[in-house]
C-alpha atoms as a PDB file:
ATOM      1  CA  MET A   1      90.852  -6.154 -26.949  1.00  0.00           C
ATOM      2  CA  GLY A   2      88.141  -4.178 -26.434  1.00  0.00           C
ATOM      3  CA  LEU A   3      84.999  -4.691 -24.397  1.00  0.00           C
ATOM      4  CA  SER A   4      82.512  -5.793 -27.492  1.00  0.00           C
ATOM      5  CA  GLU A   5      84.516  -7.928 -29.193  1.00  0.00           C
ATOM      6  CA  PHE A   6      85.070 -10.054 -26.067  1.00  0.00           C
ATOM      7  CA  PHE A   7      81.612 -10.895 -25.688  1.00  0.00           C
ATOM      8  CA  TRP A   8      81.903 -11.224 -30.074  1.00  0.00           C
ATOM      9  CA  ASN A   9      83.938 -14.682 -29.472  1.00  0.00           C
ATOM     10  CA  LEU A  10      81.652 -15.669 -26.685  1.00  0.00           C
ATOM     11  CA  GLY A  11      79.552 -16.731 -29.057  1.00  0.00           C
ATOM     12  CA  ALA A  12      77.013 -19.460 -28.142  1.00  0.00           C
ATOM     13  CA  TRP A  13      77.473 -18.542 -24.086  1.00  0.00           C
ATOM     14  CA  ASN A  14      76.186 -15.043 -24.551  1.00  0.00           C
ATOM     15  CA  TRP A  15      73.608 -16.903 -24.443  1.00  0.00           C
ATOM     16  CA  PHE A  16      74.153 -18.430 -21.059  1.00  0.00           C
ATOM     17  CA  ILE A  17      75.449 -14.431 -19.243  1.00  0.00           C
ATOM     18  CA  VAL A  18      71.693 -13.079 -20.925  1.00  0.00           C
ATOM     19  CA  ALA A  19      70.643 -16.085 -18.768  1.00  0.00           C
ATOM     20  CA  VAL A  20      72.137 -15.973 -15.515  1.00  0.00           C
ATOM     21  CA  ALA A  21      70.982 -11.955 -15.790  1.00  0.00           C
ATOM     22  CA  LEU A  22      67.706 -12.732 -16.133  1.00  0.00           C
ATOM     23  CA  PHE A  23      67.486 -14.769 -13.652  1.00  0.00           C
ATOM     24  CA  ALA A  24      69.263 -12.398 -10.728  1.00  0.00           C
ATOM     25  CA  LEU A  25      66.901  -9.543 -12.380  1.00  0.00           C
ATOM     26  CA  GLU A  26      63.545 -11.755 -11.485  1.00  0.00           C
ATOM     27  CA  SER A  27      64.203 -12.330  -7.955  1.00  0.00           C
ATOM     28  CA  VAL A  28      64.824  -9.106  -7.306  1.00  0.00           C
ATOM     29  CA  VAL A  29      61.902  -7.381  -9.187  1.00  0.00           C
ATOM     30  CA  PRO A  30      58.822  -9.239  -7.574  1.00  0.00           C
ATOM     31  CA  GLY A  31      56.489 -11.597 -10.433  1.00  0.00           C
ATOM     32  CA  VAL A  32      57.613 -13.391 -12.840  1.00  0.00           C
ATOM     33  CA  HIS A  33      57.946 -12.393 -15.911  1.00  0.00           C
ATOM     34  CA  PHE A  34      61.779 -12.622 -16.344  1.00  0.00           C
ATOM     35  CA  VAL A  35      63.113 -16.402 -15.770  1.00  0.00           C
ATOM     36  CA  TRP A  36      60.380 -17.693 -18.501  1.00  0.00           C
ATOM     37  CA  PHE A  37      63.007 -15.192 -21.090  1.00  0.00           C
ATOM     38  CA  GLY A  38      65.811 -17.110 -18.976  1.00  0.00           C
ATOM     39  CA  VAL A  39      64.976 -20.484 -19.971  1.00  0.00           C
ATOM     40  CA  ALA A  40      64.564 -19.059 -23.870  1.00  0.00           C
ATOM     41  CA  ALA A  41      67.949 -18.158 -23.901  1.00  0.00           C
ATOM     42  CA  VAL A  42      70.110 -21.444 -21.839  1.00  0.00           C
ATOM     43  CA  ILE A  43      67.749 -23.506 -24.980  1.00  0.00           C
ATOM     44  CA  VAL A  44      68.973 -21.461 -27.333  1.00  0.00           C
ATOM     45  CA  GLY A  45      72.983 -21.718 -26.058  1.00  0.00           C
ATOM     46  CA  GLY A  46      72.358 -24.878 -25.493  1.00  0.00           C
ATOM     47  CA  LEU A  47      70.740 -24.776 -29.212  1.00  0.00           C
ATOM     48  CA  GLY A  48      74.303 -22.936 -30.234  1.00  0.00           C
ATOM     49  CA  LEU A  49      76.448 -24.939 -28.362  1.00  0.00           C
ATOM     50  CA  THR A  50      75.368 -27.429 -30.100  1.00  0.00           C
ATOM     51  CA  LEU A  51      74.313 -26.320 -33.925  1.00  0.00           C
ATOM     52  CA  ASP A  52      76.877 -23.927 -35.772  1.00  0.00           C
ATOM     53  CA  ILE A  53      73.339 -21.250 -36.359  1.00  0.00           C
ATOM     54  CA  ALA A  54      73.924 -18.334 -36.807  1.00  0.00           C
ATOM     55  CA  TRP A  55      73.073 -14.656 -34.700  1.00  0.00           C
ATOM     56  CA  GLU A  56      70.233 -13.623 -36.337  1.00  0.00           C
ATOM     57  CA  TRP A  57      68.539 -16.937 -36.562  1.00  0.00           C
ATOM     58  CA  GLN A  58      69.402 -16.597 -32.302  1.00  0.00           C
ATOM     59  CA  LEU A  59      68.156 -13.880 -32.405  1.00  0.00           C
ATOM     60  CA  ILE A  60      65.178 -15.109 -33.754  1.00  0.00           C
ATOM     61  CA  THR A  61      64.815 -18.640 -31.764  1.00  0.00           C
ATOM     62  CA  PHE A  62      65.006 -16.620 -28.672  1.00  0.00           C
ATOM     63  CA  ALA A  63      62.162 -14.686 -30.083  1.00  0.00           C
ATOM     64  CA  ILE A  64      60.102 -17.300 -30.557  1.00  0.00           C
ATOM     65  CA  ILE A  65      61.405 -19.185 -27.843  1.00  0.00           C
ATOM     66  CA  SER A  66      60.170 -17.257 -25.250  1.00  0.00           C
ATOM     67  CA  CYS A  67      56.959 -16.579 -26.874  1.00  0.00           C
ATOM     68  CA  ILE A  68      55.998 -19.569 -25.788  1.00  0.00           C
ATOM     69  CA  THR A  69      57.394 -20.562 -22.581  1.00  0.00           C
ATOM     70  CA  VAL A  70      55.410 -16.472 -21.933  1.00  0.00           C
ATOM     71  CA  PHE A  71      52.610 -18.602 -22.658  1.00  0.00           C
ATOM     72  CA  PHE A  72      53.157 -21.613 -22.303  1.00  0.00           C
ATOM     73  CA  ALA A  73      53.473 -20.077 -18.871  1.00  0.00           C
ATOM     74  CA  ARG A  74      50.751 -17.760 -18.748  1.00  0.00           C
ATOM     75  CA  ARG A  75      48.000 -20.747 -19.864  1.00  0.00           C
ATOM     76  CA  TYR A  76      49.538 -23.558 -17.012  1.00  0.00           C
ATOM     77  CA  ALA A  77      50.892 -21.541 -14.147  1.00  0.00           C
ATOM     78  CA  ALA A  78      48.405 -19.112 -13.703  1.00  0.00           C
ATOM     79  CA  PRO A  79      47.668 -18.671 -10.242  1.00  0.00           C
ATOM     80  CA  ASP A  80      43.594 -18.870 -10.579  1.00  0.00           C
ATOM     81  CA  ILE A  81      44.100 -22.901 -11.612  1.00  0.00           C
ATOM     82  CA  THR A  82      45.734 -23.674  -8.940  1.00  0.00           C
ATOM     83  CA  ALA A  83      43.720 -24.478  -6.401  1.00  0.00           C
ATOM     84  CA  SER A  84      44.381 -23.336  -2.215  1.00  0.00           C
ATOM     85  CA  ASP A  85      43.432 -25.931   0.515  1.00  0.00           C
ATOM     86  CA  GLN A  86      43.338 -23.050   2.393  1.00  0.00           C
ATOM     87  CA  PRO A  87      40.780 -20.421   0.289  1.00  0.00           C
ATOM     88  CA  ASP A  88      39.096 -18.238   2.289  1.00  0.00           C
ATOM     89  CA  LEU A  89      42.268 -16.943   3.824  1.00  0.00           C
ATOM     90  CA  ASN A  90      42.233 -13.198   3.440  1.00  0.00           C
ATOM     91  CA  VAL A  91      38.920 -13.143   3.382  1.00  0.00           C
ATOM     92  CA  ARG A  92      38.559 -13.343   7.051  1.00  0.00           C
ATOM     93  CA  ALA A  93      33.851 -12.897   6.950  1.00  0.00           C
ATOM     94  CA  GLU A  94      34.431 -16.083   4.667  1.00  0.00           C
ATOM     95  CA  GLN A  95      35.646 -17.854   7.853  1.00  0.00           C
ATOM     96  CA  TYR A  96      32.861 -17.707  10.180  1.00  0.00           C
ATOM     97  CA  VAL A  97      30.320 -19.571   7.964  1.00  0.00           C
ATOM     98  CA  GLY A  98      27.929 -20.722   9.590  1.00  0.00           C
ATOM     99  CA  ARG A  99      28.814 -19.934  12.919  1.00  0.00           C
ATOM    100  CA  VAL A 100      26.694 -19.743  15.882  1.00  0.00           C
ATOM    101  CA  VAL A 101      27.623 -16.437  17.456  1.00  0.00           C
ATOM    102  CA  THR A 102      25.368 -13.451  20.255  1.00  0.00           C
ATOM    103  CA  VAL A 103      24.345 -10.311  19.206  1.00  0.00           C
ATOM    104  CA  GLU A 104      26.358  -8.057  20.658  1.00  0.00           C
ATOM    105  CA  GLU A 105      24.454  -5.166  19.115  1.00  0.00           C
ATOM    106  CA  ALA A 106      19.906  -6.313  19.129  1.00  0.00           C
ATOM    107  CA  ILE A 107      19.787  -5.947  15.754  1.00  0.00           C
ATOM    108  CA  SER A 108      17.108  -4.021  14.489  1.00  0.00           C
ATOM    109  CA  GLY A 109      15.106  -2.807  11.274  1.00  0.00           C
ATOM    110  CA  GLY A 110      17.788  -5.415   9.968  1.00  0.00           C
ATOM    111  CA  ARG A 111      21.248  -4.512  11.227  1.00  0.00           C
ATOM    112  CA  GLY A 112      23.700  -5.105  13.816  1.00  0.00           C
ATOM    113  CA  LYS A 113      26.333  -6.341  15.230  1.00  0.00           C
ATOM    114  CA  VAL A 114      27.562  -9.703  16.725  1.00  0.00           C
ATOM    115  CA  ARG A 115      30.239 -10.468  18.937  1.00  0.00           C
ATOM    116  CA  VAL A 116      32.892 -13.274  17.095  1.00  0.00           C
ATOM    117  CA  GLY A 117      35.936 -14.274  19.348  1.00  0.00           C
ATOM    118  CA  ASP A 118      36.788 -11.272  21.113  1.00  0.00           C
ATOM    119  CA  THR A 119      35.438  -9.293  17.013  1.00  0.00           C
ATOM    120  CA  VAL A 120      32.364  -7.432  17.463  1.00  0.00           C
ATOM    121  CA  TRP A 121      31.165  -6.936  12.978  1.00  0.00           C
ATOM    122  CA  ASN A 122      27.726  -5.892  11.970  1.00  0.00           C
ATOM    123  CA  ALA A 123      25.672  -8.140  11.322  1.00  0.00           C
ATOM    124  CA  GLN A 124      22.632  -8.360   8.732  1.00  0.00           C
ATOM    125  CA  GLY A 125      19.472 -10.170   9.265  1.00  0.00           C
ATOM    126  CA  SER A 126      16.391 -10.541  11.052  1.00  0.00           C
ATOM    127  CA  ASP A 127      15.187  -8.478  14.027  1.00  0.00           C
ATOM    128  CA  ALA A 128      16.985  -9.691  17.469  1.00  0.00           C
ATOM    129  CA  PRO A 129      17.297  -8.682  20.992  1.00  0.00           C
ATOM    130  CA  HIS A 130      20.679  -8.751  22.185  1.00  0.00           C
ATOM    131  CA  GLY A 131      22.873 -11.832  23.048  1.00  0.00           C
ATOM    132  CA  ALA A 132      20.425 -13.877  21.535  1.00  0.00           C
ATOM    133  CA  ARG A 133      22.243 -16.759  19.252  1.00  0.00           C
ATOM    134  CA  VAL A 134      22.839 -16.105  15.755  1.00  0.00           C
ATOM    135  CA  ARG A 135      23.828 -18.315  13.156  1.00  0.00           C
ATOM    136  CA  ILE A 136      26.148 -17.321  10.477  1.00  0.00           C
ATOM    137  CA  THR A 137      25.156 -17.806   7.160  1.00  0.00           C
ATOM    138  CA  GLY A 138      26.740 -15.566   4.688  1.00  0.00           C
ATOM    139  CA  THR A 139      28.122 -11.981   4.516  1.00  0.00           C
ATOM    140  CA  ASN A 140      28.145  -8.760   2.960  1.00  0.00           C
ATOM    141  CA  GLY A 141      30.903  -7.731   2.277  1.00  0.00           C
ATOM    142  CA  THR A 142      32.244  -7.339   5.757  1.00  0.00           C
ATOM    143  CA  CYS A 143      29.359  -7.439   7.552  1.00  0.00           C
ATOM    144  CA  LEU A 144      27.530 -11.000   8.036  1.00  0.00           C
ATOM    145  CA  LEU A 145      25.014 -12.178   6.991  1.00  0.00           C
ATOM    146  CA  VAL A 146      22.762 -13.579   9.874  1.00  0.00           C
ATOM    147  CA  GLU A 147      19.794 -15.825  11.648  1.00  0.00           C
ATOM    148  CA  HIS A 148      17.970 -17.116  14.640  1.00  0.00           C
ATOM    149  CA  ALA A 149      20.317 -20.129  15.645  1.00  0.00           C
ATOM    150  CA  PHE A 150      18.058 -22.844  16.158  1.00  0.00           C
ATOM    151  CA  ASN A 151      19.554 -25.019  18.834  1.00  0.00           C
END
């Protein structure tokens, strides 16, 4: 008995083997790609065990269910739909908007530097002398937009 005959005799159980292989591949390859094909393989395996379906129709069913699960996942599990409780986590400058900080290097001609904690940031805004207090109103890339802070 050869290997191909062994797999031929397994029938619908081959789909579960494919599903396990796809789930294992999902854990090795970054991203969420193979899990949806693995889900489709599990569904086809279940259908193959309950119904007597020819292998050609099993392949067609696998293709259809794979497309459905991929489109479903792209529609309802897309990362841009999921709201974060910290939307500015990786945009450090945006986290400082609203803070009042000290001018480290005088702002003249619309450019200077401000101290935020232990870091010095480039700043844009109206002229302000060294030591003045300014409020961060926005960002321009990694440059902080500031205005005079009136306490």
